[in-house]
Each structure stands twice: as C-alpha cells, then as structure tokens.
PDB file of N, CA and C in Angstrom:
ATOM      1  N   UNK A   1      93.246  19.639  48.351  1.00  0.00           N
ATOM      2  CA  UNK A   1      94.241  20.577  47.863  1.00  0.00           C
ATOM      3  C   UNK A   1      94.082  21.876  48.659  1.00  0.00           C
ATOM      4  N   UNK A   2      95.207  22.394  49.154  1.00  0.00           N
ATOM      5  CA  UNK A   2      95.216  23.619  49.931  1.00  0.00           C
ATOM      6  C   UNK A   2      94.971  24.830  49.040  1.00  0.00           C
ATOM      7  N   UNK A   3      94.194  25.724  49.570  1.00  0.00           N
ATOM      8  CA  UNK A   3      93.854  26.930  48.848  1.00  0.00           C
ATOM      9  C   UNK A   3      94.962  27.983  49.086  1.00  0.00           C
ATOM     10  N   UNK A   4      95.468  28.629  48.017  1.00  0.00           N
ATOM     11  CA  UNK A   4      96.501  29.650  48.176  1.00  0.00           C
ATOM     12  C   UNK A   4      95.887  30.978  48.559  1.00  0.00           C
ATOM     13  N   UNK A   5      96.574  31.705  49.423  1.00  0.00           N
ATOM     14  CA  UNK A   5      96.135  33.026  49.776  1.00  0.00           C
ATOM     15  C   UNK A   5      94.970  33.011  50.765  1.00  0.00           C
ATOM     16  N   UNK A   6      94.473  34.202  51.016  1.00  0.00           N
ATOM     17  CA  UNK A   6      93.400  34.370  51.959  1.00  0.00           C
ATOM     18  C   UNK A   6      92.178  34.925  51.209  1.00  0.00           C
ATOM     19  N   UNK A   7      90.994  34.546  51.688  1.00  0.00           N
ATOM     20  CA  UNK A   7      89.795  35.066  51.039  1.00  0.00           C
ATOM     21  C   UNK A   7      89.785  36.608  51.095  1.00  0.00           C
ATOM     22  N   UNK A   8      89.454  37.210  50.007  1.00  0.00           N
ATOM     23  CA  UNK A   8      89.386  38.665  49.958  1.00  0.00           C
ATOM     24  C   UNK A   8      90.734  39.339  49.692  1.00  0.00           C
ATOM     25  N   UNK A   9      91.795  38.578  49.585  1.00  0.00           N
ATOM     26  CA  UNK A   9      93.124  39.151  49.345  1.00  0.00           C
ATOM     27  C   UNK A   9      93.553  39.002  47.899  1.00  0.00           C
ATOM     28  N   UNK A  10      92.652  38.568  47.047  1.00  0.00           N
ATOM     29  CA  UNK A  10      92.952  38.469  45.635  1.00  0.00           C
ATOM     30  C   UNK A  10      94.000  37.405  45.318  1.00  0.00           C
ATOM     31  N   UNK A  11      94.085  36.353  46.120  1.00  0.00           N
ATOM     32  CA  UNK A  11      95.025  35.288  45.865  1.00  0.00           C
ATOM     33  C   UNK A  11      96.449  35.600  46.273  1.00  0.00           C
ATOM     34  N   UNK A  12      96.642  36.626  47.100  1.00  0.00           N
ATOM     35  CA  UNK A  12      97.992  37.014  47.552  1.00  0.00           C
ATOM     36  C   UNK A  12      98.457  35.983  48.586  1.00  0.00           C
ATOM     37  N   UNK A  13      99.653  35.469  48.407  1.00  0.00           N
ATOM     38  CA  UNK A  13     100.239  34.529  49.334  1.00  0.00           C
ATOM     39  C   UNK A  13     100.874  35.330  50.463  1.00  0.00           C
ATOM     40  N   UNK A  14     100.264  35.277  51.644  1.00  0.00           N
ATOM     41  CA  UNK A  14     100.753  36.066  52.780  1.00  0.00           C
ATOM     42  C   UNK A  14     102.147  35.671  53.225  1.00  0.00           C
ATOM     43  N   UNK A  15     102.491  34.387  53.131  1.00  0.00           N
ATOM     44  CA  UNK A  15     103.830  33.954  53.542  1.00  0.00           C
ATOM     45  C   UNK A  15     104.871  34.595  52.678  1.00  0.00           C
ATOM     46  N   UNK A  16     104.652  34.573  51.348  1.00  0.00           N
ATOM     47  CA  UNK A  16     105.622  35.199  50.446  1.00  0.00           C
ATOM     48  C   UNK A  16     105.684  36.701  50.669  1.00  0.00           C
ATOM     49  N   UNK A  17     104.525  37.303  50.914  1.00  0.00           N
ATOM     50  CA  UNK A  17     104.508  38.741  51.153  1.00  0.00           C
ATOM     51  C   UNK A  17     105.296  39.099  52.412  1.00  0.00           C
ATOM     52  N   UNK A  18     105.112  38.309  53.466  1.00  0.00           N
ATOM     53  CA  UNK A  18     105.837  38.578  54.710  1.00  0.00           C
ATOM     54  C   UNK A  18     107.340  38.398  54.545  1.00  0.00           C
ATOM     55  N   UNK A  19     107.746  37.380  53.754  1.00  0.00           N
ATOM     56  CA  UNK A  19     109.162  37.175  53.495  1.00  0.00           C
ATOM     57  C   UNK A  19     109.735  38.372  52.736  1.00  0.00           C
ATOM     58  N   UNK A  20     108.987  38.864  51.774  1.00  0.00           N
ATOM     59  CA  UNK A  20     109.450  40.031  51.013  1.00  0.00           C
ATOM     60  C   UNK A  20     109.586  41.252  51.900  1.00  0.00           C
ATOM     61  N   UNK A  21     108.629  41.451  52.779  1.00  0.00           N
ATOM     62  CA  UNK A  21     108.658  42.591  53.675  1.00  0.00           C
ATOM     63  C   UNK A  21     109.855  42.491  54.632  1.00  0.00           C
ATOM     64  N   UNK A  22     110.096  41.295  55.164  1.00  0.00           N
ATOM     65  CA  UNK A  22     111.208  41.119  56.096  1.00  0.00           C
ATOM     66  C   UNK A  22     112.532  41.318  55.394  1.00  0.00           C
ATOM     67  N   UNK A  23     112.653  40.826  54.168  1.00  0.00           N
ATOM     68  CA  UNK A  23     113.867  41.012  53.390  1.00  0.00           C
ATOM     69  C   UNK A  23     114.094  42.481  53.102  1.00  0.00           C
ATOM     70  N   UNK A  24     113.059  43.178  52.684  1.00  0.00           N
ATOM     71  CA  UNK A  24     113.168  44.591  52.397  1.00  0.00           C
ATOM     72  C   UNK A  24     113.508  45.380  53.661  1.00  0.00           C
ATOM     73  N   UNK A  25     112.922  45.034  54.777  1.00  0.00           N
ATOM     74  CA  UNK A  25     113.206  45.723  56.038  1.00  0.00           C
ATOM     75  C   UNK A  25     114.678  45.569  56.412  1.00  0.00           C
ATOM     76  N   UNK A  26     115.214  44.350  56.222  1.00  0.00           N
ATOM     77  CA  UNK A  26     116.626  44.122  56.527  1.00  0.00           C
ATOM     78  C   UNK A  26     117.514  44.958  55.604  1.00  0.00           C
ATOM     79  N   UNK A  27     117.185  44.982  54.319  1.00  0.00           N
ATOM     80  CA  UNK A  27     117.956  45.778  53.366  1.00  0.00           C
ATOM     81  C   UNK A  27     117.910  47.261  53.731  1.00  0.00           C
ATOM     82  N   UNK A  28     116.737  47.718  54.131  1.00  0.00           N
ATOM     83  CA  UNK A  28     116.597  49.127  54.498  1.00  0.00           C
ATOM     84  C   UNK A  28     117.418  49.472  55.717  1.00  0.00           C
ATOM     85  N   UNK A  29     117.461  48.583  56.689  1.00  0.00           N
ATOM     86  CA  UNK A  29     118.268  48.829  57.895  1.00  0.00           C
ATOM     87  C   UNK A  29     119.732  48.862  57.557  1.00  0.00           C
ATOM     88  N   UNK A  30     120.185  47.941  56.707  1.00  0.00           N
ATOM     89  CA  UNK A  30     121.599  47.925  56.329  1.00  0.00           C
ATOM     90  C   UNK A  30     121.960  49.171  55.541  1.00  0.00           C
ATOM     91  N   UNK A  31     121.093  49.541  54.594  1.00  0.00           N
ATOM     92  CA  UNK A  31     121.359  50.725  53.780  1.00  0.00           C
ATOM     93  C   UNK A  31     121.357  51.978  54.639  1.00  0.00           C
ATOM     94  N   UNK A  32     120.397  52.073  55.555  1.00  0.00           N
ATOM     95  CA  UNK A  32     120.324  53.234  56.452  1.00  0.00           C
ATOM     96  C   UNK A  32     121.607  53.346  57.271  1.00  0.00           C
ATOM     97  N   UNK A  33     122.110  52.243  57.765  1.00  0.00           N
ATOM     98  CA  UNK A  33     123.349  52.247  58.557  1.00  0.00           C
ATOM     99  C   UNK A  33     124.526  52.712  57.705  1.00  0.00           C
ATOM    100  N   UNK A  34     124.597  52.220  56.466  1.00  0.00           N
ATOM    101  CA  UNK A  34     125.679  52.625  55.547  1.00  0.00           C
ATOM    102  C   UNK A  34     125.577  54.125  55.244  1.00  0.00           C
ATOM    103  N   UNK A  35     124.375  54.595  54.976  1.00  0.00           N
ATOM    104  CA  UNK A  35     124.176  56.001  54.623  1.00  0.00           C
ATOM    105  C   UNK A  35     124.527  56.931  55.782  1.00  0.00           C
ATOM    106  N   UNK A  36     124.285  56.482  56.999  1.00  0.00           N
ATOM    107  CA  UNK A  36     124.596  57.327  58.153  1.00  0.00           C
ATOM    108  C   UNK A  36     126.102  57.569  58.256  1.00  0.00           C
ATOM    109  N   UNK A  37     126.895  56.661  57.740  1.00  0.00           N
ATOM    110  CA  UNK A  37     128.341  56.804  57.779  1.00  0.00           C
ATOM    111  C   UNK A  37     128.902  57.588  56.604  1.00  0.00           C
ATOM    112  N   UNK A  38     128.125  57.674  55.534  1.00  0.00           N
ATOM    113  CA  UNK A  38     128.581  58.324  54.311  1.00  0.00           C
ATOM    114  C   UNK A  38     128.645  59.851  54.502  1.00  0.00           C
ATOM    115  N   UNK A  39     129.694  60.464  53.963  1.00  0.00           N
ATOM    116  CA  UNK A  39     129.877  61.915  54.097  1.00  0.00           C
ATOM    117  C   UNK A  39     129.813  62.574  52.723  1.00  0.00           C
ATOM    118  N   UNK A  40     128.989  63.597  52.626  1.00  0.00           N
ATOM    119  CA  UNK A  40     128.855  64.409  51.419  1.00  0.00           C
ATOM    120  C   UNK A  40     129.456  65.765  51.682  1.00  0.00           C
ATOM    121  N   UNK A  41     129.988  66.396  50.621  1.00  0.00           N
ATOM    122  CA  UNK A  41     130.508  67.751  50.761  1.00  0.00           C
ATOM    123  C   UNK A  41     129.781  68.665  49.780  1.00  0.00           C
ATOM    124  N   UNK A  42     129.284  69.748  50.306  1.00  0.00           N
ATOM    125  CA  UNK A  42     128.603  70.754  49.477  1.00  0.00           C
ATOM    126  C   UNK A  42     129.272  72.098  49.722  1.00  0.00           C
ATOM    127  N   UNK A  43     128.955  73.051  48.855  1.00  0.00           N
ATOM    128  CA  UNK A  43     129.549  74.387  49.040  1.00  0.00           C
ATOM    129  C   UNK A  43     128.580  75.460  48.583  1.00  0.00           C
ATOM    130  N   UNK A  44     128.927  76.676  48.976  1.00  0.00           N
ATOM    131  CA  UNK A  44     128.150  77.864  48.554  1.00  0.00           C
ATOM    132  C   UNK A  44     129.133  78.977  48.303  1.00  0.00           C
ATOM    133  N   UNK A  45     128.684  79.988  47.572  1.00  0.00           N
ATOM    134  CA  UNK A  45     129.533  81.136  47.290  1.00  0.00           C
ATOM    135  C   UNK A  45     130.744  80.804  46.457  1.00  0.00           C
ATOM    136  N   UNK A  46     130.546  79.919  45.490  1.00  0.00           N
ATOM    137  CA  UNK A  46     131.655  79.530  44.621  1.00  0.00           C
ATOM    138  C   UNK A  46     132.764  78.786  45.359  1.00  0.00           C
ATOM    139  N   UNK A  47     132.395  78.083  46.411  1.00  0.00           N
ATOM    140  CA  UNK A  47     133.374  77.302  47.185  1.00  0.00           C
ATOM    141  C   UNK A  47     133.913  78.045  48.387  1.00  0.00           C
ATOM    142  N   UNK A  48     133.403  79.254  48.637  1.00  0.00           N
ATOM    143  CA  UNK A  48     133.847  80.043  49.788  1.00  0.00           C
ATOM    144  C   UNK A  48     133.508  79.351  51.110  1.00  0.00           C
ATOM    145  N   UNK A  49     132.374  78.670  51.121  1.00  0.00           N
ATOM    146  CA  UNK A  49     131.950  77.913  52.311  1.00  0.00           C
ATOM    147  C   UNK A  49     131.742  76.463  51.877  1.00  0.00           C
ATOM    148  N   UNK A  50     132.340  75.537  52.578  1.00  0.00           N
ATOM    149  CA  UNK A  50     132.156  74.113  52.312  1.00  0.00           C
ATOM    150  C   UNK A  50     131.609  73.441  53.570  1.00  0.00           C
ATOM    151  N   UNK A  51     130.651  72.565  53.360  1.00  0.00           N
ATOM    152  CA  UNK A  51     130.029  71.855  54.471  1.00  0.00           C
ATOM    153  C   UNK A  51     130.152  70.362  54.213  1.00  0.00           C
ATOM    154  N   UNK A  52     130.503  69.593  55.231  1.00  0.00           N
ATOM    155  CA  UNK A  52     130.482  68.129  55.160  1.00  0.00           C
ATOM    156  C   UNK A  52     129.334  67.648  56.036  1.00  0.00           C
ATOM    157  N   UNK A  53     128.495  66.784  55.478  1.00  0.00           N
ATOM    158  CA  UNK A  53     127.327  66.278  56.197  1.00  0.00           C
ATOM    159  C   UNK A  53     127.237  64.787  55.969  1.00  0.00           C
ATOM    160  N   UNK A  54     126.743  64.087  56.981  1.00  0.00           N
ATOM    161  CA  UNK A  54     126.535  62.632  56.846  1.00  0.00           C
ATOM    162  C   UNK A  54     125.107  62.356  56.355  1.00  0.00           C
ATOM    163  N   UNK A  55     124.866  61.127  56.015  1.00  0.00           N
ATOM    164  CA  UNK A  55     123.532  60.704  55.616  1.00  0.00           C
ATOM    165  C   UNK A  55     122.552  60.787  56.770  1.00  0.00           C
ATOM    166  N   UNK A  56     123.084  60.965  57.975  1.00  0.00           N
ATOM    167  CA  UNK A  56     122.249  61.150  59.152  1.00  0.00           C
ATOM    168  C   UNK A  56     121.905  62.621  59.372  1.00  0.00           C
ATOM    169  N   UNK A  57     122.330  63.439  58.410  1.00  0.00           N
ATOM    170  CA  UNK A  57     122.146  64.893  58.399  1.00  0.00           C
ATOM    171  C   UNK A  57     122.875  65.579  59.550  1.00  0.00           C
ATOM    172  N   UNK A  58     124.032  65.010  59.927  1.00  0.00           N
ATOM    173  CA  UNK A  58     124.869  65.657  60.948  1.00  0.00           C
ATOM    174  C   UNK A  58     126.010  66.374  60.220  1.00  0.00           C
ATOM    175  N   UNK A  59     126.190  67.622  60.546  1.00  0.00           N
ATOM    176  CA  UNK A  59     127.292  68.369  59.948  1.00  0.00           C
ATOM    177  C   UNK A  59     128.577  67.973  60.669  1.00  0.00           C
ATOM    178  N   UNK A  60     129.544  67.513  59.890  1.00  0.00           N
ATOM    179  CA  UNK A  60     130.792  67.028  60.506  1.00  0.00           C
ATOM    180  C   UNK A  60     131.976  67.901  60.115  1.00  0.00           C
ATOM    181  N   UNK A  61     131.736  68.944  59.324  1.00  0.00           N
ATOM    182  CA  UNK A  61     132.832  69.846  58.969  1.00  0.00           C
ATOM    183  C   UNK A  61     132.361  71.091  58.261  1.00  0.00           C
ATOM    184  N   UNK A  62     132.987  72.214  58.586  1.00  0.00           N
ATOM    185  CA  UNK A  62     132.704  73.488  57.928  1.00  0.00           C
ATOM    186  C   UNK A  62     134.045  74.166  57.605  1.00  0.00           C
ATOM    187  N   UNK A  63     134.203  74.563  56.353  1.00  0.00           N
ATOM    188  CA  UNK A  63     135.406  75.307  55.949  1.00  0.00           C
ATOM    189  C   UNK A  63     134.955  76.656  55.406  1.00  0.00           C
ATOM    190  N   UNK A  64     135.581  77.722  55.867  1.00  0.00           N
ATOM    191  CA  UNK A  64     135.280  79.060  55.423  1.00  0.00           C
ATOM    192  C   UNK A  64     136.582  79.675  54.919  1.00  0.00           C
ATOM    193  N   UNK A  65     136.575  80.120  53.648  1.00  0.00           N
ATOM    194  CA  UNK A  65     137.759  80.769  53.100  1.00  0.00           C
ATOM    195  C   UNK A  65     137.944  82.124  53.790  1.00  0.00           C
ATOM    196  N   UNK A  66     139.139  82.435  54.198  1.00  0.00           N
ATOM    197  CA  UNK A  66     139.395  83.699  54.937  1.00  0.00           C
ATOM    198  C   UNK A  66     138.952  84.945  54.200  1.00  0.00           C
ATOM    199  N   UNK A  67     138.994  84.928  52.876  1.00  0.00           N
ATOM    200  CA  UNK A  67     138.651  86.126  52.139  1.00  0.00           C
ATOM    201  C   UNK A  67     137.166  86.515  52.217  1.00  0.00           C
ATOM    202  N   UNK A  68     136.304  85.564  52.657  1.00  0.00           N
ATOM    203  CA  UNK A  68     134.880  85.914  52.795  1.00  0.00           C
ATOM    204  C   UNK A  68     134.533  86.386  54.216  1.00  0.00           C
ATOM    205  N   UNK A  69     135.526  86.366  55.092  1.00  0.00           N
ATOM    206  CA  UNK A  69     135.282  86.837  56.445  1.00  0.00           C
ATOM    207  C   UNK A  69     135.582  88.341  56.489  1.00  0.00           C
ATOM    208  N   UNK A  70     134.507  89.112  56.509  1.00  0.00           N
ATOM    209  CA  UNK A  70     134.623  90.567  56.541  1.00  0.00           C
ATOM    210  C   UNK A  70     133.801  91.084  57.712  1.00  0.00           C
ATOM    211  N   UNK A  71     134.478  91.623  58.759  1.00  0.00           N
ATOM    212  CA  UNK A  71     133.735  92.080  59.929  1.00  0.00           C
ATOM    213  C   UNK A  71     132.695  93.164  59.601  1.00  0.00           C
ATOM    214  N   UNK A  72     132.874  93.841  58.481  1.00  0.00           N
ATOM    215  CA  UNK A  72     131.907  94.867  58.090  1.00  0.00           C
ATOM    216  C   UNK A  72     130.721  94.303  57.328  1.00  0.00           C
ATOM    217  N   UNK A  73     130.794  93.009  56.964  1.00  0.00           N
ATOM    218  CA  UNK A  73     129.689  92.392  56.201  1.00  0.00           C
ATOM    219  C   UNK A  73     129.405  90.997  56.742  1.00  0.00           C
ATOM    220  N   UNK A  74     129.062  90.941  57.994  1.00  0.00           N
ATOM    221  CA  UNK A  74     128.737  89.671  58.660  1.00  0.00           C
ATOM    222  C   UNK A  74     127.510  89.034  58.023  1.00  0.00           C
ATOM    223  N   UNK A  75     126.586  89.845  57.571  1.00  0.00           N
ATOM    224  CA  UNK A  75     125.365  89.340  56.978  1.00  0.00           C
ATOM    225  C   UNK A  75     125.625  88.469  55.771  1.00  0.00           C
ATOM    226  N   UNK A  76     126.578  88.851  54.947  1.00  0.00           N
ATOM    227  CA  UNK A  76     126.905  88.050  53.758  1.00  0.00           C
ATOM    228  C   UNK A  76     127.446  86.671  54.178  1.00  0.00           C
ATOM    229  N   UNK A  77     128.284  86.652  55.189  1.00  0.00           N
ATOM    230  CA  UNK A  77     128.841  85.387  55.681  1.00  0.00           C
ATOM    231  C   UNK A  77     127.710  84.527  56.247  1.00  0.00           C
ATOM    232  N   UNK A  78     126.804  85.104  56.951  1.00  0.00           N
ATOM    233  CA  UNK A  78     125.656  84.366  57.485  1.00  0.00           C
ATOM    234  C   UNK A  78     124.820  83.762  56.367  1.00  0.00           C
ATOM    235  N   UNK A  79     124.597  84.550  55.318  1.00  0.00           N
ATOM    236  CA  UNK A  79     123.823  84.058  54.174  1.00  0.00           C
ATOM    237  C   UNK A  79     124.552  82.903  53.480  1.00  0.00           C
ATOM    238  N   UNK A  80     125.852  82.992  53.330  1.00  0.00           N
ATOM    239  CA  UNK A  80     126.613  81.938  52.691  1.00  0.00           C
ATOM    240  C   UNK A  80     126.562  80.651  53.508  1.00  0.00           C
ATOM    241  N   UNK A  81     126.723  80.790  54.812  1.00  0.00           N
ATOM    242  CA  UNK A  81     126.672  79.606  55.696  1.00  0.00           C
ATOM    243  C   UNK A  81     125.283  78.988  55.636  1.00  0.00           C
ATOM    244  N   UNK A  82     124.253  79.789  55.676  1.00  0.00           N
ATOM    245  CA  UNK A  82     122.890  79.271  55.626  1.00  0.00           C
ATOM    246  C   UNK A  82     122.660  78.543  54.279  1.00  0.00           C
ATOM    247  N   UNK A  83     123.105  79.111  53.186  1.00  0.00           N
ATOM    248  CA  UNK A  83     122.934  78.485  51.878  1.00  0.00           C
ATOM    249  C   UNK A  83     123.697  77.133  51.826  1.00  0.00           C
ATOM    250  N   UNK A  84     124.891  77.137  52.345  1.00  0.00           N
ATOM    251  CA  UNK A  84     125.706  75.908  52.310  1.00  0.00           C
ATOM    252  C   UNK A  84     125.095  74.827  53.206  1.00  0.00           C
ATOM    253  N   UNK A  85     124.609  75.189  54.363  1.00  0.00           N
ATOM    254  CA  UNK A  85     123.982  74.205  55.273  1.00  0.00           C
ATOM    255  C   UNK A  85     122.709  73.675  54.644  1.00  0.00           C
ATOM    256  N   UNK A  86     121.888  74.551  54.084  1.00  0.00           N
ATOM    257  CA  UNK A  86     120.660  74.090  53.423  1.00  0.00           C
ATOM    258  C   UNK A  86     120.957  73.139  52.266  1.00  0.00           C
ATOM    259  N   UNK A  87     121.982  73.456  51.491  1.00  0.00           N
ATOM    260  CA  UNK A  87     122.355  72.593  50.398  1.00  0.00           C
ATOM    261  C   UNK A  87     122.879  71.218  50.901  1.00  0.00           C
ATOM    262  N   UNK A  88     123.592  71.236  51.991  1.00  0.00           N
ATOM    263  CA  UNK A  88     124.114  70.004  52.588  1.00  0.00           C
ATOM    264  C   UNK A  88     122.949  69.112  53.059  1.00  0.00           C
ATOM    265  N   UNK A  89     121.987  69.716  53.709  1.00  0.00           N
ATOM    266  CA  UNK A  89     120.831  68.947  54.198  1.00  0.00           C
ATOM    267  C   UNK A  89     120.049  68.378  53.022  1.00  0.00           C
ATOM    268  N   UNK A  90     119.861  69.200  51.986  1.00  0.00           N
ATOM    269  CA  UNK A  90     119.116  68.774  50.805  1.00  0.00           C
ATOM    270  C   UNK A  90     119.872  67.597  50.122  1.00  0.00           C
ATOM    271  N   UNK A  91     121.181  67.708  50.017  1.00  0.00           N
ATOM    272  CA  UNK A  91     121.966  66.648  49.396  1.00  0.00           C
ATOM    273  C   UNK A  91     121.886  65.350  50.200  1.00  0.00           C
ATOM    274  N   UNK A  92     121.918  65.451  51.515  1.00  0.00           N
ATOM    275  CA  UNK A  92     121.818  64.248  52.377  1.00  0.00           C
ATOM    276  C   UNK A  92     120.444  63.605  52.217  1.00  0.00           C
ATOM    277  N   UNK A  93     119.403  64.425  52.182  1.00  0.00           N
ATOM    278  CA  UNK A  93     118.041  63.889  52.025  1.00  0.00           C
ATOM    279  C   UNK A  93     117.872  63.216  50.654  1.00  0.00           C
ATOM    280  N   UNK A  94     118.423  63.855  49.613  1.00  0.00           N
ATOM    281  CA  UNK A  94     118.339  63.283  48.272  1.00  0.00           C
ATOM    282  C   UNK A  94     119.044  61.933  48.207  1.00  0.00           C
ATOM    283  N   UNK A  95     120.236  61.873  48.834  1.00  0.00           N
ATOM    284  CA  UNK A  95     121.008  60.632  48.829  1.00  0.00           C
ATOM    285  C   UNK A  95     120.206  59.501  49.512  1.00  0.00           C
ATOM    286  N   UNK A  96     119.666  59.810  50.667  1.00  0.00           N
ATOM    287  CA  UNK A  96     118.897  58.781  51.406  1.00  0.00           C
ATOM    288  C   UNK A  96     117.664  58.367  50.629  1.00  0.00           C
ATOM    289  N   UNK A  97     116.938  59.344  50.079  1.00  0.00           N
ATOM    290  CA  UNK A  97     115.705  59.002  49.300  1.00  0.00           C
ATOM    291  C   UNK A  97     116.068  58.165  48.084  1.00  0.00           C
ATOM    292  N   UNK A  98     117.138  58.502  47.424  1.00  0.00           N
ATOM    293  CA  UNK A  98     117.546  57.758  46.229  1.00  0.00           C
ATOM    294  C   UNK A  98     117.905  56.311  46.570  1.00  0.00           C
ATOM    295  N   UNK A  99     118.704  56.124  47.627  1.00  0.00           N
ATOM    296  CA  UNK A  99     119.132  54.778  47.998  1.00  0.00           C
ATOM    297  C   UNK A  99     117.962  53.935  48.526  1.00  0.00           C
ATOM    298  N   UNK A 100     117.086  54.565  49.306  1.00  0.00           N
ATOM    299  CA  UNK A 100     115.953  53.832  49.832  1.00  0.00           C
ATOM    300  C   UNK A 100     114.945  53.510  48.721  1.00  0.00           C
ATOM    301  N   UNK A 101     114.861  54.407  47.756  1.00  0.00           N
ATOM    302  CA  UNK A 101     113.969  54.179  46.623  1.00  0.00           C
ATOM    303  C   UNK A 101     114.400  52.960  45.802  1.00  0.00           C
ATOM    304  N   UNK A 102     115.714  52.714  45.770  1.00  0.00           N
ATOM    305  CA  UNK A 102     116.217  51.530  45.050  1.00  0.00           C
ATOM    306  C   UNK A 102     115.693  50.257  45.715  1.00  0.00           C
ATOM    307  N   UNK A 103     115.544  50.283  47.008  1.00  0.00           N
ATOM    308  CA  UNK A 103     115.076  49.101  47.741  1.00  0.00           C
ATOM    309  C   UNK A 103     113.555  48.971  47.608  1.00  0.00           C
ATOM    310  N   UNK A 104     112.830  50.039  47.902  1.00  0.00           N
ATOM    311  CA  UNK A 104     111.376  49.946  47.875  1.00  0.00           C
ATOM    312  C   UNK A 104     110.851  49.864  46.449  1.00  0.00           C
ATOM    313  N   UNK A 105     111.607  50.342  45.477  1.00  0.00           N
ATOM    314  CA  UNK A 105     111.191  50.265  44.086  1.00  0.00           C
ATOM    315  C   UNK A 105     111.195  48.831  43.569  1.00  0.00           C
ATOM    316  N   UNK A 106     111.975  47.957  44.185  1.00  0.00           N
ATOM    317  CA  UNK A 106     112.051  46.568  43.783  1.00  0.00           C
ATOM    318  C   UNK A 106     110.850  45.762  44.288  1.00  0.00           C
ATOM    319  N   UNK A 107     110.136  46.374  45.224  1.00  0.00           N
ATOM    320  CA  UNK A 107     109.081  45.642  45.881  1.00  0.00           C
ATOM    321  C   UNK A 107     107.919  45.332  44.924  1.00  0.00           C
ATOM    322  N   UNK A 108     107.474  44.128  44.918  1.00  0.00           N
ATOM    323  CA  UNK A 108     106.349  43.717  44.082  1.00  0.00           C
ATOM    324  C   UNK A 108     105.296  43.079  44.955  1.00  0.00           C
ATOM    325  N   UNK A 109     104.556  43.939  45.641  1.00  0.00           N
ATOM    326  CA  UNK A 109     103.528  43.451  46.549  1.00  0.00           C
ATOM    327  C   UNK A 109     102.225  44.126  46.209  1.00  0.00           C
ATOM    328  N   UNK A 110     101.425  43.471  45.391  1.00  0.00           N
ATOM    329  CA  UNK A 110     100.171  44.085  44.950  1.00  0.00           C
ATOM    330  C   UNK A 110      99.265  44.452  46.104  1.00  0.00           C
ATOM    331  N   UNK A 111      98.701  45.604  46.043  1.00  0.00           N
ATOM    332  CA  UNK A 111      97.740  46.016  47.043  1.00  0.00           C
ATOM    333  C   UNK A 111      98.308  46.792  48.206  1.00  0.00           C
ATOM    334  N   UNK A 112      99.637  46.767  48.393  1.00  0.00           N
ATOM    335  CA  UNK A 112     100.225  47.494  49.529  1.00  0.00           C
ATOM    336  C   UNK A 112     100.621  48.908  49.161  1.00  0.00           C
ATOM    337  N   UNK A 113     101.113  49.117  47.947  1.00  0.00           N
ATOM    338  CA  UNK A 113     101.590  50.464  47.558  1.00  0.00           C
ATOM    339  C   UNK A 113     101.000  50.895  46.267  1.00  0.00           C
TER     340      UNK A 113
END
C-alpha cells in the first residue's frame, strides 16, 4: 500500500497541494488582468476634483471644476489634487487587495500560511 504524503509533512499530499497552488495562481492572474482594466472614480473637495484610476494604479482621467481654479490660491488646488490622487490610489489598492483576498482566502493548505 502506498504511503500518502511525505515524511515530515504531516501527511500533506503534495500532488493535491501543487494542484491547489496552480489553480490559485491561474485565478490570481485572471483576476489581476481583470482588475487592471477596471476603472474607479474618486473625488476630493466635495467633488471639485475627480480622478479616474485603474486597478493597475494608472490615472486615466482628471476633472477639475472651474470654480476651484483660482490663480491667487494655487496651493488649495494643489492640495485638492493631491488628496484626490491619494484617495484614488488607496481605492485601487483596496479593490485589488479585496479581490485577491477572495482567492487566497479560499486556500486550504495547512502549513503554508
């Protein structure tokens, strides 16, 4: 009778483990590709500045309401743009972490995580 698993591995079946890892890797690649195409929109200053960002953290659009463009207060506009960009990056990172967590959270491989 063949012995399951490897000595010292607590009876873990390496073939099943490798199949699970390969399946999860494929799911992660597919999800990553989908997320890179997904576009999120965030804003700052009550919607005065809107930023569109992909899951790849690339900014693909910026909208600035004309009423916030004041040549005498460029610093405020800079602050709003910085806040909107930071929020866009944070939103993209959260989206990717959430979607990838759905895949890795399903993993049942004792001893690896």
